[in-house]
Protein backbone atom coordinates (compact mmCIF):
# COMPACT_ATOMS: atom_id res chain seq x y z
CA VAL A 1 -3.27 -4.70 0.39
CA LEU A 2 -0.54 -1.46 0.97
CA ASP A 3 -2.64 1.22 0.25
CA THR A 4 -6.29 0.42 2.15
CA PHE A 5 -7.82 3.93 0.35
CA ALA A 6 -6.77 3.06 -3.27
CA PHE A 7 -8.23 -0.50 -2.58
CA HIS A 8 -11.56 0.45 -1.50
CA ALA A 9 -12.05 2.91 -4.01
CA ALA A 10 -11.24 0.59 -7.08
CA ASN A 11 -13.74 -2.14 -5.77
CA LEU A 12 -16.41 0.73 -4.98
CA LEU A 13 -15.94 2.39 -8.43
CA VAL A 14 -17.03 -0.71 -9.87
CA GLY A 15 -19.65 -1.52 -7.68
CA ASN A 16 -18.25 -4.15 -5.73
CA ASP A 17 -18.26 -5.46 -2.09
CA GLU A 18 -15.05 -3.68 -0.94
CA THR A 19 -13.61 -6.77 0.45
CA CYS A 20 -13.23 -8.27 -3.11
CA ALA A 21 -10.00 -9.22 -4.53
CA VAL A 22 -8.01 -6.83 -6.64
CA LEU A 23 -4.88 -7.36 -8.21
CA GLU A 24 -2.24 -5.34 -6.61
CA ILE A 25 0.20 -3.97 -9.42
CA THR A 26 3.84 -2.63 -8.29
CA VAL A 27 5.80 -0.20 -10.63
CA MET A 28 5.19 -2.21 -13.45
CA GLY A 29 2.14 -3.52 -14.82
CA PRO A 30 0.64 -6.25 -17.36
CA LYS A 31 -1.29 -6.82 -20.73
CA LEU A 32 -4.38 -8.84 -19.89
CA GLU A 33 -6.51 -9.81 -22.48
CA ILE A 34 -10.45 -9.61 -21.76
CA GLU A 35 -12.45 -12.40 -22.24
CA LYS A 36 -16.08 -11.10 -20.87
CA GLU A 37 -17.87 -7.72 -20.32
CA MET A 38 -17.19 -5.95 -17.39
CA ASP A 39 -16.40 -3.02 -15.67
CA ILE A 40 -12.94 -2.47 -14.52
CA ALA A 41 -11.25 0.52 -12.22
CA LEU A 42 -7.49 1.43 -11.30
CA THR A 43 -6.66 3.19 -8.68
CA GLY A 44 -3.27 4.36 -6.39
CA ALA A 45 -0.06 5.02 -8.36
CA ARG A 46 -0.59 7.04 -11.53
CA MET A 47 0.76 4.84 -14.07
CA GLY A 48 0.41 4.44 -18.25
CA ILE A 49 -2.55 2.81 -18.85
CA THR A 50 -4.42 1.96 -22.07
CA LEU A 51 -7.14 0.49 -23.54
CA ASN A 52 -7.13 -0.93 -27.55
CA ASP A 53 -3.67 1.31 -27.33
CA SER A 54 -5.87 4.32 -26.58
CA PRO A 55 -5.47 6.19 -23.04
CA ILE A 56 -7.76 5.57 -20.43
CA GLU A 57 -8.28 7.58 -17.05
CA GLN A 58 -7.96 6.34 -13.67
CA TRP A 59 -10.08 6.64 -10.67
CA ARG A 60 -13.15 5.93 -12.70
CA SER A 61 -15.28 2.44 -14.13
CA ILE A 62 -14.53 1.60 -17.99
CA ARG A 63 -16.58 -1.02 -19.58
CA VAL A 64 -14.38 -3.23 -21.20
CA MET A 65 -15.87 -6.05 -24.08
CA PRO A 66 -14.67 -9.32 -24.82
CA GLY A 67 -10.86 -9.37 -26.95
CA ASP A 68 -9.73 -5.73 -25.88
CA ILE A 69 -6.48 -5.34 -24.47
CA LEU A 70 -5.85 -3.54 -21.25
CA THR A 71 -2.38 -2.27 -21.10
CA ILE A 72 -1.07 -1.06 -17.66
CA SER A 73 2.70 0.46 -18.19
CA MET A 74 5.52 1.93 -15.85
CA VAL A 75 4.66 3.77 -12.81
CA GLN A 76 4.96 7.89 -13.19
CA GLN A 77 3.98 8.51 -9.72
CA GLY A 78 3.55 6.89 -6.71
CA CYS A 79 4.20 2.69 -6.56
CA ARG A 80 1.37 0.57 -6.29
CA ALA A 81 -1.88 0.53 -7.89
CA TYR A 82 -5.00 -1.55 -7.46
CA LEU A 83 -6.73 -2.82 -10.41
CA ALA A 84 -10.61 -4.11 -9.92
CA VAL A 85 -13.26 -6.21 -12.05
CA SER A 86 -16.69 -6.80 -11.88
CA GLY A 87 -17.18 -9.00 -8.97
CA GLY A 88 -13.72 -9.34 -7.57
CA ILE A 89 -10.73 -11.95 -8.97
CA LYS A 90 -12.03 -15.39 -7.65
CA VAL A 91 -9.19 -17.00 -5.47
CA PRO A 92 -9.43 -19.21 -2.93
CA ARG A 93 -10.09 -17.18 0.90
CA ILE A 94 -7.00 -18.38 3.08
CA MET A 95 -7.05 -17.54 6.57
CA GLY A 96 -9.95 -15.02 5.83
CA SER A 97 -7.80 -13.38 3.14
CA TYR A 98 -7.56 -13.40 -0.34
CA SER A 99 -4.00 -11.70 -0.49
CA THR A 100 -0.66 -13.50 -2.01
CA TYR A 101 2.05 -14.39 0.27
CA VAL A 102 4.87 -15.30 -2.01
CA GLY A 103 7.18 -16.14 0.84
CA GLY A 104 4.97 -19.06 1.74
CA LYS A 105 3.61 -19.97 -1.69
CA ILE A 106 0.35 -19.95 -0.31
CA GLY A 107 -3.03 -18.04 -1.14
CA GLY A 108 -3.83 -15.56 -3.85
CA PHE A 109 -3.15 -17.04 -7.51
CA SER A 110 -1.22 -20.40 -6.77
CA GLY A 111 1.03 -18.20 -4.27
CA ARG A 112 2.61 -16.42 -6.44
CA PRO A 113 3.53 -13.48 -8.45
CA LEU A 114 1.54 -13.97 -11.84
CA ARG A 115 3.22 -14.64 -15.60
CA GLN A 116 2.39 -14.49 -19.00
CA GLY A 117 -0.27 -17.48 -19.70
CA ASP A 118 -2.26 -17.04 -16.13
CA LEU A 119 -6.06 -17.10 -16.49
CA LEU A 120 -7.76 -15.35 -13.84
CA GLU A 121 -11.42 -15.35 -13.33
CA THR A 122 -14.19 -13.13 -11.90
CA HIS A 123 -17.27 -13.35 -10.30
CA ASP A 124 -20.09 -13.23 -11.87
CA ALA A 125 -21.69 -9.78 -11.01
CA ARG A 126 -24.27 -6.95 -12.05
CA LEU A 127 -22.75 -4.32 -14.85
CA LEU A 128 -23.04 -0.86 -13.40
CA LYS A 129 -26.00 1.05 -15.36
CA THR A 130 -24.05 4.53 -15.24
CA SER A 131 -20.07 4.99 -14.88
CA ARG A 132 -18.72 6.17 -11.84
CA THR A 133 -15.64 8.78 -11.55
CA LEU A 134 -13.89 9.84 -8.45
CA THR A 135 -13.67 13.61 -7.82
CA SER A 136 -10.43 15.17 -7.39
CA GLN A 137 -10.68 16.21 -4.27
CA TYR A 138 -10.69 12.86 -2.95
CA ILE A 139 -7.61 11.22 -5.29
CA PRO A 140 -4.34 11.30 -2.89
CA LEU A 141 -1.17 12.67 -4.40
CA TYR A 142 2.10 10.42 -3.94
CA PRO A 143 4.87 12.72 -3.59
CA SER A 144 8.65 12.00 -4.09
CA LEU A 145 9.08 13.84 -0.28
CA ALA A 146 6.90 11.97 1.47
CA VAL A 147 5.73 13.09 5.37
CA ILE A 148 5.48 10.08 7.60
CA ARG A 149 3.68 10.62 10.86
CA ALA A 150 4.92 8.58 13.86
CA ILE A 151 5.01 8.14 17.08
CA PRO A 152 8.00 7.25 19.61
CA GLY A 153 8.47 3.96 20.88
CA PRO A 154 7.98 1.30 22.14
CA GLN A 155 12.16 1.18 22.79
CA ASP A 156 12.74 4.54 21.76
CA THR A 157 14.23 5.08 25.63
CA TYR A 158 17.69 2.90 23.68
CA PHE A 159 18.14 6.03 21.78
CA ASP A 160 19.62 9.59 22.19
CA MET A 161 16.78 11.15 20.76
CA ASP A 162 18.41 14.32 20.89
CA LYS A 163 22.09 13.71 19.62
CA THR A 164 20.81 11.51 16.66
CA PRO A 165 17.00 12.77 15.70
CA LEU A 166 15.03 10.69 13.85
CA PHE A 167 12.04 13.41 13.20
CA GLY A 168 12.65 15.88 10.90
CA THR A 169 15.85 14.38 9.34
CA ASP A 170 15.69 13.10 5.41
CA TYR A 171 16.19 9.56 4.96
CA MET A 172 15.94 7.81 1.40
CA VAL A 173 14.09 4.93 0.11
CA THR A 174 16.67 2.51 -0.71
CA ALA A 175 16.56 -0.89 -3.28
CA LYS A 176 15.87 -2.87 -0.27
CA ALA A 177 12.19 -1.92 -0.26
CA ASP A 178 9.29 -4.67 -0.29
CA ARG A 179 5.81 -5.53 0.92
CA MET A 180 7.81 -6.82 4.06
CA GLY A 181 9.57 -3.40 4.80
CA TYR A 182 11.58 -0.77 3.40
CA ARG A 183 15.31 -0.11 4.40
CA LEU A 184 15.99 3.73 4.53
CA GLN A 185 19.33 5.72 4.16
CA GLY A 186 20.18 8.48 6.90
CA ASN A 187 21.21 9.71 9.89
CA ALA A 188 22.57 6.96 12.05
CA LEU A 189 20.52 5.85 15.04
CA PRO A 190 23.04 4.33 17.10
CA ILE A 191 21.73 2.95 21.02
CA ARG A 192 22.86 4.44 23.93
CA PRO A 193 25.82 2.81 24.94
CA ASP A 194 24.42 2.20 28.85
CA MET A 195 21.68 0.10 26.95
CA PRO A 196 21.63 -3.90 25.77
CA LYS A 197 22.46 -4.09 21.72
CA SER A 198 19.15 -5.94 21.36
CA ILE A 199 15.67 -6.99 23.04
CA VAL A 200 13.98 -9.67 23.98
CA SER A 201 12.68 -11.08 20.82
CA GLU A 202 8.90 -9.93 20.46
CA PRO A 203 6.10 -9.70 17.70
CA ALA A 204 6.52 -6.45 15.75
CA MET A 205 3.29 -4.02 14.45
CA PRO A 206 3.02 -2.65 10.76
CA GLY A 207 4.37 0.42 10.81
CA SER A 208 7.48 -0.36 13.62
CA ILE A 209 10.71 1.33 12.52
CA GLN A 210 13.21 -1.08 13.59
CA ILE A 211 17.19 -0.02 14.12
CA PRO A 212 19.29 -2.85 13.18
CA PRO A 213 23.11 -3.23 13.72
CA ASP A 214 23.70 -1.09 10.81
CA GLU A 215 22.22 1.77 12.74
CA GLN A 216 19.69 2.58 9.61
CA PRO A 217 15.84 2.18 9.91
CA ILE A 218 14.02 -0.48 8.76
CA ILE A 219 9.90 0.68 8.54
CA LEU A 220 7.90 -2.89 8.88
CA LEU A 221 5.03 -2.70 6.45
CA VAL A 222 3.27 -6.02 7.99
CA GLU A 223 3.24 -7.25 10.95
CA GLN A 224 5.92 -10.13 12.33
CA THR A 225 5.73 -12.79 14.58
CA VAL A 226 9.27 -12.53 16.25
CA GLY A 227 11.47 -9.50 16.31
CA GLY A 228 14.93 -8.92 18.18
CA TYR A 229 15.75 -4.56 17.01
CA ALA A 230 14.73 -2.24 19.36
CA LYS A 231 12.11 0.01 17.61
CA ILE A 232 12.60 3.49 17.77
CA ALA A 233 9.09 4.75 16.65
CA THR A 234 5.95 3.27 14.90
CA VAL A 235 4.38 4.83 11.93
CA ILE A 236 0.69 5.51 12.49
CA SER A 237 -1.51 3.39 10.39
CA THR A 238 -3.13 6.05 8.35
CA ASP A 239 0.47 6.58 6.82
CA LEU A 240 1.58 3.38 6.06
CA ALA A 241 0.34 3.58 2.63
CA ARG A 242 2.39 6.68 2.47
CA VAL A 243 5.18 4.97 3.26
CA ALA A 244 4.02 1.68 0.33
CA GLN A 245 3.77 4.53 -2.15
CA THR A 246 7.57 5.30 -1.93
CA THR A 247 10.13 4.10 -4.52
CA PRO A 248 13.69 3.40 -4.21
CA GLY A 249 15.48 6.86 -4.27
CA ASP A 250 12.50 8.94 -2.70
CA THR A 251 12.46 10.83 0.45
CA ILE A 252 11.03 10.32 3.60
CA GLN A 253 10.99 12.86 6.39
CA PHE A 254 9.36 11.68 9.72
CA GLU A 255 7.04 13.85 11.92
CA LYS A 256 6.49 13.24 15.66
CA VAL A 257 2.63 12.67 16.42
CA ASP A 258 1.30 11.73 19.80
CA LEU A 259 -1.17 9.09 20.45
CA LYS A 260 -4.49 11.71 20.23
CA THR A 261 -3.19 13.29 17.15
CA ALA A 262 -3.08 9.64 15.47
CA HIS A 263 -6.21 8.99 16.64
CA ALA A 264 -7.88 12.17 15.27
CA ILE A 265 -6.12 11.37 11.79
CA TYR A 266 -7.42 7.99 11.90
CA ALA A 267 -10.86 9.37 12.80
CA GLU A 268 -11.08 12.15 9.54
CA ASP A 269 -9.00 9.13 7.32
CA ALA A 270 -12.43 6.96 8.32
CA ARG A 271 -14.59 10.00 7.45
CA GLN A 272 -13.34 10.71 4.15
CA LEU A 273 -13.50 6.69 2.93
CA MET A 274 -17.40 7.38 4.62
CA LYS A 275 -17.80 10.17 2.09
CA VAL A 276 -16.26 8.32 -1.04
CA ARG A 277 -18.85 5.51 -0.10
CA GLU A 278 -21.81 8.02 -0.26
CA LEU A 279 -21.22 8.94 -3.24
CA PHE A 280 -22.20 5.68 -4.58
CA LEU A 281 -24.92 4.62 -2.71
CA PRO A 282 -27.90 3.97 -5.14
């Protein structure tokens, strides 16, 4: 999943183990017919959601019954939402994951996005005795201007960081943005004339900001086994969800941080998730 907090929260809200498979919904949601009694919860991006044509809230558990129609429409703020159901969605575990890799046609539901007529099975689970709601203090915002914190490197020396600054500059999210990476448009970031035009191909981590020949940054959201573009900086792991919750036309502004600060932010993020877990302890 690209927004790990929303993923964990969705499962906690319906009483699931936090690793249960959920449905990741990007920009536009589906219409689903419910076939058995269960609890559901939708977290992440704010989307129009109705149950039998009546609006319902996100970030809380909702009891649904056979014959109910759940409609999730266009995104209103953010990009990706997460639908959890009692017991989790029943899909095979492949290489330790329930995720779908569409490019390789493996994982998830037949290795592809859902389409009309698909039947999603769920694992059996006990239903909640009382409904659960996440209070507003824990619910993240998804602004159209996202400040993304990053650490310079590993190939920042390939660039003249003073003449062509990455940090503090606005970049627009382009239409070439998907689960693999986000192409941005803004201040050009040319490689210094005295440096090679590319690096020896190497694995790339999630958050790597690559600079291809067009000198416009690409933020990688997932790891890659090989890559020959120089990486000017690396988005800290806790901010990858912020990137993934932006949509084309939104603005990203990079803020420079050091490794110590990144570790502190990571620790605080973990504490926030622990507080949410404690809200729902039996």
